Structure formats: structure tokens, C-alpha cells
Amino acid sequence: MTTCVGIVGGLGVGATVHYYERIAAACRTRGFTPDLVIVHADVEHGQSLIRAGRLDALADYIVGFIERLGRAGAQWAVLPAVTPHIAIAEIVRRTRLPLINIVDPIAAELRRRRVRRVALFGTVFTMEGSLWGQLKDVEIVKPQPDELALIARAYQAILDTQKADADDAAALRRIAATLQQRDGVEAILLAGTDLAVMFDEQTAGFPAIDVARLHIDAIVERLAS
């Protein structure tokens, strides 16, 4: 008997596909078929609500999809994107389904590695918000404004095209090196799941922790329970 997990897809599409492929592969390796339900949300609508600071409306929008997942048989829900977790407290309060929060496995991995000083690569909302205080006992170093703008632009390009640009990847690697040398950052959190389109922990070329991988591992464990 496995657990049914529902995925709010579309936030963005590349990340959803990445999650689906990796979850299916991991479950196949472990010898069972995952019980999954997926719905599709509109990333542009979600981003517009975040830009407008309408977090209550964002929570309502996402909860609507989570409720649909519940009606389809899901016992747990997942947001395969970091930025929508900006409204996680409101989402949790408004839905009966428990969520596999992306921050929990990040915190566990940082404790395991004894990493205390990190930076984030992701959307401007995630980087500016520093995971909204959900990571305890970890210092999150913000890139300089010009670096922040470059990272955000590169990430938006992935969302828009679902492709990785080689020049953008090289620029992010240079910023990562600067953050290590200038700011003493121990690791970069790949805190935008669509970054998986560009690189992962093995191909990044800098000390990276793949948030999507950690989240996927947690999802697979829940599916197997």
C-alpha cells in the first residue's frame, strides 16, 4: 500500500516535468509504481499575484488546486517550486491536506552537512525573501543588487523558454565564485526548481545543493510509506 501524492504543476512547467521524471525513475528503482495526481496551475497568474503582494489571493489560488487534488484521492500535496512557498503559512491554514514543505528537507540537509552560510539562486522573490525566515540557524547571504538582477533575469529566461542559456549559466558560475570568495558562502542553494534545466549539483561547477533533489527524495519517501 502506497500513499497518493498530489502535485500542483505548472509553476513552472519545466520543474513539473523534472519532478515527474525523477519521481518515476526513483520509484521504479525502488520497485514500486508511484500513486500520483497532477493538476496544472498558471505560473504567470501566480507570479502576477506575488508581484502585486497579494499573498492571500495566491494562497486561495493554490488551495483551489490542492482541494482538487484531494478530491482526486491525494493524501499529501506538493508545490514543485520554491517561490509559491512565500504563502506556505496561509496555504497550510486553508487546506486539510498536509503539504510536503520544500524547506524541511533543505534544513535537514544543511544540518547534516554542518553548513551555516549559504546563498540562494532562484527567482527574485525567493532571493529577496531569503526563504521567508523558514531556515533557522543558517545565515543567508544576499547577492549584490546587480548580481541579484542577473540571476533573476537568467531564471526568468528559463521559465519563459524552458531552456538553459550557456552564457547565463557561465554568469551564474562567476557569481557563485564571487559569493564564495567575497562573502564566505559555503554552498549555493539551487532554490529555484527550474534551475534543474540549467545544471545540478554535479554539473554546477561550484558547491551547490539541489533543492529539487532534496524535495523529490522527500516525496519518494512519502509515496513509499
Foldseek 3Di string as FASTA:
>chain_A
DFAEEEEEAPLPPLLVVVLVVVLQVVVVVVPDGFRYHYDYDHNVVLVVCVVVVVLLVNLVRVLVVVVVRVVVPHQEYEYSWQLNCVNVVVNVVPHPHHYLDLVVLVLVVCVVVVFAEEEEQAALNCRVCVSVPPRPNHHYDHQDPVLSVLSNVQRVVCRVPVAHDPVSLVSVLVSLVCCCVVVVHPEYEHRTSSCVRVDACVPSNHHYDDSSVSSSVVVSVNRHD
